[in-house]
Structures are given as C-alpha cells and as structure tokens.
Amino acid sequence: MKLGAHQSISGGYSEALKRIANIGGNCLQIFSSSPRGWSSFQINNEAIEQWNNKRNELNIDPIYFHATYLINLADDSRIGHASKQSLISEMNLAPKLGIKGSIIHLGSYKGEPSSIKYSTLITNIKEILNKTSPKSLFIIENAGNRKIGQTLEEISQIVKDVNNPRVKICFDTCHLFSNGYKFENNNQLDKFLNQLSSLQLINQLECWHLNDSRDEFDSGHDRHDNIGQGKMNIDEFKVLLNHPKTKDYPFIIETPGFDKKGPDQKNLDILKSLIKL
C-alpha cells in the first residue's frame, strides 16, 4: 500500500525523502518552493542526481508537487499570469525529478462565477498544459471554503472542457466532508464511486489526501485535523484504505501533527492500524 505525507524541503529536496522514510511513509508530497510566494526553486544537475539517487535508494514513489497556495487560474490579471508561470516552471521541473506532476487548488472566482471568469480558468489550464512536459500531470484538488472545485459536478465540467488526459484529480477527505460527501461504510463509498463513474471522473482519479476535519459535516470549511481527533468518523479512513476499488491509490496525509509540527509518524501509524491484512 502507498501511504505517505507532505514533508518539508528545508535543507534541500533530498531532505524531504529522508523525512518521509523516517516517519514510515513510502510516497511523498512536497512544495517546489515557498507555498506563499511566487519564487521558483532553482536546482542544479548535481542536486537532481542526488535527489534521484536517494529516491531510488529509499524507494519513495509516487511523489507529487503541491502548487503554491497563491494560485488563482480564474484571474485574468497579474495573479493569473503569475499562477501560470509558477505552474509551468514547476510542471517542467517535475519529470527531471521523477515527480508525477502538481496537485493544484484552482483558486476562486472572487465573487459570483461568470462565463468570462470560467473561460479564463479553462484557457489558463490549457495554456499551462501546452507549455509543459507531456509527462507531467495537472492534478485538480477538490476544494472547500467557497473555492473552485467544491462539487463533483463542477470538477467534471472543468475536466470535460479542458479535455486533456493529463488532467487528473486528488480528493481530500476533509474537503469532501466539508462539502457534504462522506463514506462511513462500503455502501456509501460505492455510491460515491458510482457517481464518479457517471460523471466520467473515475479514470481521472490519481490520489487521495487523508485528513480529518476540525469542522462539522457539510460546514463549508476545510480545516484539517489529525486522524481520529476531528469530526470525521474513523471508519471513513478504514473504508477508503480497505475498499478493493480505492486501496491501491496513493494516500497522503496533510495533518497538523500531534506535536503541531506537521504530518507525523503517529498519524501514519493510526492509518496503518486500520488496514486489514
């Protein structure tokens, strides 16, 4: 089973590989640079070789970038332009490091949606795909808190209109919970998966973020909590980890950590304890 976490790149990319191995993970998510800025991380050939050697040594796979939090692809001004440039740089770096692609929050409409804003969103995504490596995936993360991509229907329409096989989806359990989706038993998860199939999204599913929720079901908020400490039923994680149609996806935690220092071994150990051998 592929079970990992988001880890810091402090000290260099290769340090993140050591960190995930040290807490018992075998897949990984990282930022390519500061998540709250536009600067692109500069990495030389020596560092790339060091990274690839360490990745192979520790057998960490798959690995994903998570795009900066500043991204807004529905914006047609400076922020939208910076968003495109940031993603183009990141998604072209990914194949050099054996990273599958970028997991992306699409942004918001900054008010009411409109056909013009939606057209900007689709045009910007297409431009990014046209200017990046065909080996690099554009992975849409479902959203919370009034952002783009809160419902399956909305995500389905975006995927349909972009019409590119490199567009994939990452589902975050906390964000799903905040938007009225939950699966405390196999029947509920089967219903969710059937809905994905009917919306032609099942083949786009790439990975999962496993996060508990600090907020109540269908609250619209998206604040992460440690596994078992939030408002979600622990059975949601048990169902996902053991269902024959979901257990083979990569699962990545983004929890605050029991020591408040970020995703940790205790969260991974709790998830591992839920796996039926």
C-alpha atoms as a PDB file:
ATOM      1  CA  MET A   1       0.000   0.000   0.000  1.00  0.00           C
ATOM      2  CA  LYS A   2       1.153   3.531  -0.794  1.00  0.00           C
ATOM      3  CA  LEU A   3       0.902   5.657   2.352  1.00  0.00           C
ATOM      4  CA  GLY A   4       2.832   8.883   2.802  1.00  0.00           C
ATOM      5  CA  ALA A   5       2.756  12.536   3.794  1.00  0.00           C
ATOM      6  CA  HIS A   6       3.557  16.071   2.813  1.00  0.00           C
ATOM      7  CA  GLN A   7       7.071  16.873   4.014  1.00  0.00           C
ATOM      8  CA  SER A   8       9.259  19.977   4.214  1.00  0.00           C
ATOM      9  CA  ILE A   9      12.028  20.645   1.681  1.00  0.00           C
ATOM     10  CA  SER A  10      14.002  22.647   4.252  1.00  0.00           C
ATOM     11  CA  GLY A  11      17.678  21.917   3.695  1.00  0.00           C
ATOM     12  CA  GLY A  12      17.074  20.749   0.118  1.00  0.00           C
ATOM     13  CA  TYR A  13      14.735  18.471  -1.786  1.00  0.00           C
ATOM     14  CA  SER A  14      16.577  15.297  -0.746  1.00  0.00           C
ATOM     15  CA  GLU A  15      15.907  16.049   2.917  1.00  0.00           C
ATOM     16  CA  ALA A  16      12.192  15.522   2.280  1.00  0.00           C
ATOM     17  CA  LEU A  17      12.934  11.974   1.107  1.00  0.00           C
ATOM     18  CA  LYS A  18      14.765  11.247   4.349  1.00  0.00           C
ATOM     19  CA  ARG A  19      11.939  12.763   6.397  1.00  0.00           C
ATOM     20  CA  ILE A  20       9.223  10.634   4.821  1.00  0.00           C
ATOM     21  CA  ALA A  21      11.294   7.464   5.236  1.00  0.00           C
ATOM     22  CA  ASN A  22      11.934   8.348   8.889  1.00  0.00           C
ATOM     23  CA  ILE A  23       8.203   8.521   9.684  1.00  0.00           C
ATOM     24  CA  GLY A  24       7.401   5.296   7.853  1.00  0.00           C
ATOM     25  CA  GLY A  25       5.976   6.593   4.575  1.00  0.00           C
ATOM     26  CA  ASN A  26       6.652   5.277   1.074  1.00  0.00           C
ATOM     27  CA  CYS A  27       5.133   8.059  -1.057  1.00  0.00           C
ATOM     28  CA  LEU A  28       5.533  11.807  -0.786  1.00  0.00           C
ATOM     29  CA  GLN A  29       4.222  15.285  -1.485  1.00  0.00           C
ATOM     30  CA  ILE A  30       6.387  18.427  -1.400  1.00  0.00           C
ATOM     31  CA  PHE A  31       6.311  22.080  -2.366  1.00  0.00           C
ATOM     32  CA  SER A  32       8.742  23.045  -5.114  1.00  0.00           C
ATOM     33  CA  SER A  33       9.415  26.352  -3.297  1.00  0.00           C
ATOM     34  CA  SER A  34       7.722  28.542  -0.690  1.00  0.00           C
ATOM     35  CA  PRO A  35       3.960  27.853  -0.753  1.00  0.00           C
ATOM     36  CA  ARG A  36       3.232  31.510  -0.013  1.00  0.00           C
ATOM     37  CA  GLY A  37       5.350  33.112  -2.709  1.00  0.00           C
ATOM     38  CA  TRP A  38       5.992  33.070  -6.449  1.00  0.00           C
ATOM     39  CA  SER A  39       9.708  32.277  -6.457  1.00  0.00           C
ATOM     40  CA  SER A  40      10.765  29.204  -8.451  1.00  0.00           C
ATOM     41  CA  PHE A  41      13.158  26.846  -6.739  1.00  0.00           C
ATOM     42  CA  GLN A  42      16.498  26.674  -8.508  1.00  0.00           C
ATOM     43  CA  ILE A  43      18.037  23.200  -8.564  1.00  0.00           C
ATOM     44  CA  ASN A  44      21.260  22.241 -10.334  1.00  0.00           C
ATOM     45  CA  ASN A  45      22.163  18.973 -12.048  1.00  0.00           C
ATOM     46  CA  GLU A  46      24.180  17.767  -9.050  1.00  0.00           C
ATOM     47  CA  ALA A  47      21.193  18.218  -6.730  1.00  0.00           C
ATOM     48  CA  ILE A  48      18.910  16.483  -9.229  1.00  0.00           C
ATOM     49  CA  GLU A  49      21.266  13.500  -9.349  1.00  0.00           C
ATOM     50  CA  GLN A  50      21.467  13.431  -5.546  1.00  0.00           C
ATOM     51  CA  TRP A  51      17.665  13.503  -5.320  1.00  0.00           C
ATOM     52  CA  ASN A  52      17.195  10.715  -7.869  1.00  0.00           C
ATOM     53  CA  ASN A  53      19.782   8.504  -6.172  1.00  0.00           C
ATOM     54  CA  LYS A  54      18.190   8.986  -2.751  1.00  0.00           C
ATOM     55  CA  ARG A  55      14.665   8.462  -4.146  1.00  0.00           C
ATOM     56  CA  ASN A  56      15.743   5.142  -5.678  1.00  0.00           C
ATOM     57  CA  GLU A  57      17.661   4.115  -2.557  1.00  0.00           C
ATOM     58  CA  LEU A  58      14.675   4.716  -0.278  1.00  0.00           C
ATOM     59  CA  ASN A  59      12.126   3.518  -2.857  1.00  0.00           C
ATOM     60  CA  ILE A  60       9.819   6.511  -2.388  1.00  0.00           C
ATOM     61  CA  ASP A  61       7.157   6.503  -5.104  1.00  0.00           C
ATOM     62  CA  PRO A  62       4.993   8.145  -6.267  1.00  0.00           C
ATOM     63  CA  ILE A  63       5.958  11.732  -5.480  1.00  0.00           C
ATOM     64  CA  TYR A  64       3.898  14.842  -6.188  1.00  0.00           C
ATOM     65  CA  PHE A  65       4.407  18.575  -6.038  1.00  0.00           C
ATOM     66  CA  HIS A  66       1.738  20.645  -4.308  1.00  0.00           C
ATOM     67  CA  ALA A  67       1.388  24.010  -6.025  1.00  0.00           C
ATOM     68  CA  THR A  68       1.673  27.290  -4.138  1.00  0.00           C
ATOM     69  CA  TYR A  69      -1.417  28.425  -2.223  1.00  0.00           C
ATOM     70  CA  LEU A  70      -1.444  31.694  -4.193  1.00  0.00           C
ATOM     71  CA  ILE A  71      -2.627  30.069  -7.437  1.00  0.00           C
ATOM     72  CA  ASN A  72      -5.774  31.535  -8.989  1.00  0.00           C
ATOM     73  CA  LEU A  73      -6.365  30.392 -12.548  1.00  0.00           C
ATOM     74  CA  ALA A  74      -9.693  32.219 -12.852  1.00  0.00           C
ATOM     75  CA  ASP A  75      -7.876  35.538 -12.610  1.00  0.00           C
ATOM     76  CA  ASP A  76      -7.074  37.389 -15.862  1.00  0.00           C
ATOM     77  CA  SER A  77      -4.635  39.910 -14.381  1.00  0.00           C
ATOM     78  CA  ARG A  78      -1.292  39.779 -12.546  1.00  0.00           C
ATOM     79  CA  ILE A  79      -2.222  36.908 -10.203  1.00  0.00           C
ATOM     80  CA  GLY A  80      -3.453  34.770 -13.075  1.00  0.00           C
ATOM     81  CA  HIS A  81      -0.276  35.391 -15.057  1.00  0.00           C
ATOM     82  CA  ALA A  82       1.948  34.610 -12.057  1.00  0.00           C
ATOM     83  CA  SER A  83      -0.099  31.450 -11.430  1.00  0.00           C
ATOM     84  CA  LYS A  84       0.542  30.222 -14.947  1.00  0.00           C
ATOM     85  CA  GLN A  85       4.264  30.964 -14.831  1.00  0.00           C
ATOM     86  CA  SER A  86       4.629  29.244 -11.476  1.00  0.00           C
ATOM     87  CA  LEU A  87       2.873  26.083 -12.649  1.00  0.00           C
ATOM     88  CA  ILE A  88       4.710  25.990 -15.985  1.00  0.00           C
ATOM     89  CA  SER A  89       8.039  26.145 -14.153  1.00  0.00           C
ATOM     90  CA  GLU A  90       7.007  23.531 -11.585  1.00  0.00           C
ATOM     91  CA  MET A  91       5.462  21.082 -14.038  1.00  0.00           C
ATOM     92  CA  ASN A  92       8.503  21.237 -16.314  1.00  0.00           C
ATOM     93  CA  LEU A  93      10.787  20.510 -13.357  1.00  0.00           C
ATOM     94  CA  ALA A  94       8.728  17.517 -12.200  1.00  0.00           C
ATOM     95  CA  PRO A  95       9.889  14.931 -14.800  1.00  0.00           C
ATOM     96  CA  LYS A  96      13.546  15.698 -14.087  1.00  0.00           C
ATOM     97  CA  LEU A  97      12.936  14.535 -10.514  1.00  0.00           C
ATOM     98  CA  GLY A  98      10.662  11.617 -11.302  1.00  0.00           C
ATOM     99  CA  ILE A  99       7.741  13.576  -9.831  1.00  0.00           C
ATOM    100  CA  LYS A 100       4.366  12.780 -11.383  1.00  0.00           C
ATOM    101  CA  GLY A 101       3.041  16.330 -11.506  1.00  0.00           C
ATOM    102  CA  SER A 102       1.423  19.096  -9.454  1.00  0.00           C
ATOM    103  CA  ILE A 103      -1.603  18.918  -7.154  1.00  0.00           C
ATOM    104  CA  ILE A 104      -3.380  22.225  -7.594  1.00  0.00           C
ATOM    105  CA  HIS A 105      -6.049  24.338  -5.917  1.00  0.00           C
ATOM    106  CA  LEU A 106      -7.553  26.145  -8.887  1.00  0.00           C
ATOM    107  CA  GLY A 107      -8.406  29.339  -6.998  1.00  0.00           C
ATOM    108  CA  SER A 108     -11.637  31.275  -6.679  1.00  0.00           C
ATOM    109  CA  TYR A 109     -13.917  33.472  -8.757  1.00  0.00           C
ATOM    110  CA  LYS A 110     -13.569  36.383  -6.284  1.00  0.00           C
ATOM    111  CA  GLY A 111     -17.306  36.862  -6.107  1.00  0.00           C
ATOM    112  CA  GLU A 112     -20.010  35.355  -8.262  1.00  0.00           C
ATOM    113  CA  PRO A 113     -18.986  32.936 -11.038  1.00  0.00           C
ATOM    114  CA  SER A 114     -19.412  34.167 -14.593  1.00  0.00           C
ATOM    115  CA  SER A 115     -18.911  32.790 -18.085  1.00  0.00           C
ATOM    116  CA  ILE A 116     -15.974  35.182 -18.559  1.00  0.00           C
ATOM    117  CA  LYS A 117     -14.209  34.013 -15.378  1.00  0.00           C
ATOM    118  CA  TYR A 118     -14.867  30.387 -16.246  1.00  0.00           C
ATOM    119  CA  SER A 119     -13.483  30.884 -19.762  1.00  0.00           C
ATOM    120  CA  THR A 120     -10.338  32.419 -18.231  1.00  0.00           C
ATOM    121  CA  LEU A 121      -9.950  29.363 -15.999  1.00  0.00           C
ATOM    122  CA  ILE A 122     -10.207  26.881 -18.871  1.00  0.00           C
ATOM    123  CA  THR A 123      -7.960  28.940 -21.167  1.00  0.00           C
ATOM    124  CA  ASN A 124      -5.276  29.223 -18.485  1.00  0.00           C
ATOM    125  CA  ILE A 125      -5.288  25.479 -17.747  1.00  0.00           C
ATOM    126  CA  LYS A 126      -4.979  24.694 -21.461  1.00  0.00           C
ATOM    127  CA  GLU A 127      -2.077  27.123 -21.830  1.00  0.00           C
ATOM    128  CA  ILE A 128      -0.236  25.504 -18.921  1.00  0.00           C
ATOM    129  CA  LEU A 129      -0.705  22.047 -20.420  1.00  0.00           C
ATOM    130  CA  ASN A 130       0.506  23.260 -23.819  1.00  0.00           C
ATOM    131  CA  LYS A 131       3.687  24.704 -22.300  1.00  0.00           C
ATOM    132  CA  THR A 132       4.653  21.818 -20.031  1.00  0.00           C
ATOM    133  CA  SER A 133       6.104  18.350 -20.388  1.00  0.00           C
ATOM    134  CA  PRO A 134       3.684  15.661 -21.605  1.00  0.00           C
ATOM    135  CA  LYS A 135       4.997  13.538 -18.727  1.00  0.00           C
ATOM    136  CA  SER A 136       3.733  15.975 -16.089  1.00  0.00           C
ATOM    137  CA  LEU A 137       0.220  15.692 -14.654  1.00  0.00           C
ATOM    138  CA  PHE A 138      -2.097  18.604 -13.829  1.00  0.00           C
ATOM    139  CA  ILE A 139      -3.925  17.291 -10.754  1.00  0.00           C
ATOM    140  CA  ILE A 140      -7.008  19.196  -9.592  1.00  0.00           C
ATOM    141  CA  GLU A 141      -7.655  19.020  -5.855  1.00  0.00           C
ATOM    142  CA  ASN A 142     -11.270  19.275  -4.748  1.00  0.00           C
ATOM    143  CA  ALA A 143     -11.845  22.449  -2.784  1.00  0.00           C
ATOM    144  CA  GLY A 144     -13.502  23.729   0.330  1.00  0.00           C
ATOM    145  CA  ASN A 145     -14.448  27.148   1.659  1.00  0.00           C
ATOM    146  CA  ARG A 146     -16.128  28.617  -1.454  1.00  0.00           C
ATOM    147  CA  LYS A 147     -13.261  27.861  -3.837  1.00  0.00           C
ATOM    148  CA  ILE A 148     -13.417  26.412  -7.364  1.00  0.00           C
ATOM    149  CA  GLY A 149     -13.993  22.659  -7.419  1.00  0.00           C
ATOM    150  CA  GLN A 150     -16.214  22.041  -4.416  1.00  0.00           C
ATOM    151  CA  THR A 151     -18.630  19.631  -6.104  1.00  0.00           C
ATOM    152  CA  LEU A 152     -18.091  16.608  -8.295  1.00  0.00           C
ATOM    153  CA  GLU A 153     -20.282  18.149 -10.956  1.00  0.00           C
ATOM    154  CA  GLU A 154     -18.148  21.296 -11.107  1.00  0.00           C
ATOM    155  CA  ILE A 155     -14.929  19.292 -11.347  1.00  0.00           C
ATOM    156  CA  SER A 156     -16.455  17.091 -14.030  1.00  0.00           C
ATOM    157  CA  GLN A 157     -17.347  20.100 -16.171  1.00  0.00           C
ATOM    158  CA  ILE A 158     -13.825  21.512 -15.875  1.00  0.00           C
ATOM    159  CA  VAL A 159     -12.239  18.185 -16.817  1.00  0.00           C
ATOM    160  CA  LYS A 160     -14.607  17.847 -19.775  1.00  0.00           C
ATOM    161  CA  ASP A 161     -13.940  21.362 -21.062  1.00  0.00           C
ATOM    162  CA  VAL A 162     -10.149  21.137 -20.736  1.00  0.00           C
ATOM    163  CA  ASN A 163     -10.283  17.752 -22.477  1.00  0.00           C
ATOM    164  CA  ASN A 164      -6.735  16.585 -21.821  1.00  0.00           C
ATOM    165  CA  PRO A 165      -5.738  13.133 -20.455  1.00  0.00           C
ATOM    166  CA  ARG A 166      -3.051  14.749 -18.283  1.00  0.00           C
ATOM    167  CA  VAL A 167      -5.753  16.330 -16.108  1.00  0.00           C
ATOM    168  CA  LYS A 168      -6.237  14.181 -13.014  1.00  0.00           C
ATOM    169  CA  ILE A 169      -7.932  14.548  -9.615  1.00  0.00           C
ATOM    170  CA  CYS A 170      -6.834  14.385  -5.994  1.00  0.00           C
ATOM    171  CA  PHE A 171      -9.646  14.054  -3.452  1.00  0.00           C
ATOM    172  CA  ASP A 172      -9.105  15.451   0.033  1.00  0.00           C
ATOM    173  CA  THR A 173     -11.273  13.713   2.651  1.00  0.00           C
ATOM    174  CA  CYS A 174     -11.571  16.860   4.788  1.00  0.00           C
ATOM    175  CA  HIS A 175     -12.726  18.921   1.799  1.00  0.00           C
ATOM    176  CA  LEU A 176     -15.200  16.220   0.760  1.00  0.00           C
ATOM    177  CA  PHE A 177     -16.592  16.077   4.307  1.00  0.00           C
ATOM    178  CA  SER A 178     -16.959  19.862   4.404  1.00  0.00           C
ATOM    179  CA  ASN A 179     -18.988  19.765   1.180  1.00  0.00           C
ATOM    180  CA  GLY A 180     -21.446  17.027   2.128  1.00  0.00           C
ATOM    181  CA  TYR A 181     -19.646  13.878   0.986  1.00  0.00           C
ATOM    182  CA  LYS A 182     -18.805  11.054   3.382  1.00  0.00           C
ATOM    183  CA  PHE A 183     -18.399   7.270   3.284  1.00  0.00           C
ATOM    184  CA  GLU A 184     -18.563   5.584   6.672  1.00  0.00           C
ATOM    185  CA  ASN A 185     -19.334   2.221   5.080  1.00  0.00           C
ATOM    186  CA  ASN A 186     -18.769   0.427   1.786  1.00  0.00           C
ATOM    187  CA  ASN A 187     -22.245   1.255   0.505  1.00  0.00           C
ATOM    188  CA  GLN A 188     -21.642   4.989   0.872  1.00  0.00           C
ATOM    189  CA  LEU A 189     -18.252   4.731  -0.826  1.00  0.00           C
ATOM    190  CA  ASP A 190     -19.736   2.616  -3.632  1.00  0.00           C
ATOM    191  CA  LYS A 191     -22.351   5.332  -4.174  1.00  0.00           C
ATOM    192  CA  PHE A 192     -19.579   7.962  -4.347  1.00  0.00           C
ATOM    193  CA  LEU A 193     -17.543   5.880  -6.808  1.00  0.00           C
ATOM    194  CA  ASN A 194     -20.617   5.248  -8.944  1.00  0.00           C
ATOM    195  CA  GLN A 195     -21.193   8.997  -9.050  1.00  0.00           C
ATOM    196  CA  LEU A 196     -17.602   9.459 -10.229  1.00  0.00           C
ATOM    197  CA  SER A 197     -18.215   6.901 -12.965  1.00  0.00           C
ATOM    198  CA  SER A 198     -21.443   8.559 -14.104  1.00  0.00           C
ATOM    199  CA  LEU A 199     -19.608  11.905 -14.297  1.00  0.00           C
ATOM    200  CA  GLN A 200     -16.747  10.244 -16.211  1.00  0.00           C
ATOM    201  CA  LEU A 201     -14.250  11.062 -13.466  1.00  0.00           C
ATOM    202  CA  ILE A 202     -13.251   7.627 -12.212  1.00  0.00           C
ATOM    203  CA  ASN A 203     -10.357   7.287 -14.668  1.00  0.00           C
ATOM    204  CA  GLN A 204      -9.052  10.725 -13.694  1.00  0.00           C
ATOM    205  CA  LEU A 205      -8.657   9.824 -10.011  1.00  0.00           C
ATOM    206  CA  GLU A 206      -4.926   9.915  -9.183  1.00  0.00           C
ATOM    207  CA  CYS A 207      -4.521  10.027  -5.396  1.00  0.00           C
ATOM    208  CA  TRP A 208      -6.096  10.903  -2.037  1.00  0.00           C
ATOM    209  CA  HIS A 209      -5.316  13.341   0.751  1.00  0.00           C
ATOM    210  CA  LEU A 210      -6.295  11.758   4.066  1.00  0.00           C
ATOM    211  CA  ASN A 211      -7.137  14.481   6.579  1.00  0.00           C
ATOM    212  CA  ASP A 212      -9.622  14.640   9.436  1.00  0.00           C
ATOM    213  CA  SER A 213     -11.790  17.754   9.781  1.00  0.00           C
ATOM    214  CA  ARG A 214     -11.848  20.337  12.561  1.00  0.00           C
ATOM    215  CA  ASP A 215     -15.304  21.400  11.367  1.00  0.00           C
ATOM    216  CA  GLU A 216     -18.711  19.748  11.240  1.00  0.00           C
ATOM    217  CA  PHE A 217     -20.061  17.794   8.268  1.00  0.00           C
ATOM    218  CA  ASP A 218     -21.215  19.965   5.341  1.00  0.00           C
ATOM    219  CA  SER A 219     -19.911  23.101   7.097  1.00  0.00           C
ATOM    220  CA  GLY A 220     -18.207  24.531   4.008  1.00  0.00           C
ATOM    221  CA  HIS A 221     -14.946  24.929   5.926  1.00  0.00           C
ATOM    222  CA  ASP A 222     -11.768  22.993   5.173  1.00  0.00           C
ATOM    223  CA  ARG A 223      -9.552  22.992   8.274  1.00  0.00           C
ATOM    224  CA  HIS A 224      -7.505  19.812   8.639  1.00  0.00           C
ATOM    225  CA  ASP A 225      -7.191  17.813  11.849  1.00  0.00           C
ATOM    226  CA  ASN A 226      -5.177  14.781  12.935  1.00  0.00           C
ATOM    227  CA  ILE A 227      -6.634  11.370  12.133  1.00  0.00           C
ATOM    228  CA  GLY A 228      -9.121  10.445  14.871  1.00  0.00           C
ATOM    229  CA  GLN A 229      -9.084  13.893  16.511  1.00  0.00           C
ATOM    230  CA  GLY A 230     -11.557  15.636  14.220  1.00  0.00           C
ATOM    231  CA  LYS A 231     -15.255  15.446  13.409  1.00  0.00           C
ATOM    232  CA  MET A 232     -14.966  12.623  10.884  1.00  0.00           C
ATOM    233  CA  ASN A 233     -15.788   9.023  11.764  1.00  0.00           C
ATOM    234  CA  ILE A 234     -12.593   6.950  11.850  1.00  0.00           C
ATOM    235  CA  ASP A 235     -14.480   4.400   9.731  1.00  0.00           C
ATOM    236  CA  GLU A 236     -14.191   6.759   6.740  1.00  0.00           C
ATOM    237  CA  PHE A 237     -10.462   6.167   6.659  1.00  0.00           C
ATOM    238  CA  LYS A 238     -10.860   2.450   7.326  1.00  0.00           C
ATOM    239  CA  VAL A 239     -13.294   2.112   4.405  1.00  0.00           C
ATOM    240  CA  LEU A 240     -11.028   4.000   1.989  1.00  0.00           C
ATOM    241  CA  LEU A 241      -7.915   2.060   2.978  1.00  0.00           C
ATOM    242  CA  ASN A 242      -9.572  -1.322   2.574  1.00  0.00           C
ATOM    243  CA  HIS A 243     -12.130  -0.985  -0.228  1.00  0.00           C
ATOM    244  CA  PRO A 244     -10.995  -3.005  -3.272  1.00  0.00           C
ATOM    245  CA  LYS A 245     -11.615  -0.045  -5.593  1.00  0.00           C
ATOM    246  CA  THR A 246      -9.631   2.515  -3.571  1.00  0.00           C
ATOM    247  CA  LYS A 247      -6.972   0.697  -1.543  1.00  0.00           C
ATOM    248  CA  ASP A 248      -4.368   0.796  -4.338  1.00  0.00           C
ATOM    249  CA  TYR A 249      -4.324   4.588  -4.731  1.00  0.00           C
ATOM    250  CA  PRO A 250      -1.574   6.652  -3.080  1.00  0.00           C
ATOM    251  CA  PHE A 251      -2.755   8.110   0.248  1.00  0.00           C
ATOM    252  CA  ILE A 252      -1.017  11.254   1.543  1.00  0.00           C
ATOM    253  CA  ILE A 253      -1.632  12.997   4.865  1.00  0.00           C
ATOM    254  CA  GLU A 254      -1.502  16.782   5.408  1.00  0.00           C
ATOM    255  CA  THR A 255      -2.372  16.698   9.097  1.00  0.00           C
ATOM    256  CA  PRO A 256      -1.183  19.309  11.624  1.00  0.00           C
ATOM    257  CA  GLY A 257       0.669  16.624  13.603  1.00  0.00           C
ATOM    258  CA  PHE A 258       0.155  15.581  17.202  1.00  0.00           C
ATOM    259  CA  ASP A 259       3.113  17.773  18.135  1.00  0.00           C
ATOM    260  CA  LYS A 260       1.818  20.590  15.889  1.00  0.00           C
ATOM    261  CA  LYS A 261       4.890  20.268  13.644  1.00  0.00           C
ATOM    262  CA  GLY A 262       3.183  18.825  10.568  1.00  0.00           C
ATOM    263  CA  PRO A 263       2.372  15.363   9.238  1.00  0.00           C
ATOM    264  CA  ASP A 264       3.956  12.791  11.549  1.00  0.00           C
ATOM    265  CA  GLN A 265       4.518   9.112  12.218  1.00  0.00           C
ATOM    266  CA  LYS A 266       1.648   8.885  14.727  1.00  0.00           C
ATOM    267  CA  ASN A 267      -0.891   9.852  12.058  1.00  0.00           C
ATOM    268  CA  LEU A 268       0.573   7.281   9.657  1.00  0.00           C
ATOM    269  CA  ASP A 269       0.633   4.610  12.374  1.00  0.00           C
ATOM    270  CA  ILE A 270      -3.058   5.197  13.118  1.00  0.00           C
ATOM    271  CA  LEU A 271      -3.884   4.743   9.438  1.00  0.00           C
ATOM    272  CA  LYS A 272      -1.719   1.634   9.224  1.00  0.00           C
ATOM    273  CA  SER A 273      -3.616   0.154  12.180  1.00  0.00           C
ATOM    274  CA  LEU A 274      -6.841   0.422  10.180  1.00  0.00           C
ATOM    275  CA  ILE A 275      -5.558  -1.670   7.280  1.00  0.00           C
ATOM    276  CA  LYS A 276      -6.882  -5.211   7.145  1.00  0.00           C
ATOM    277  CA  LEU A 277      -4.120  -7.675   6.317  1.00  0.00           C
END
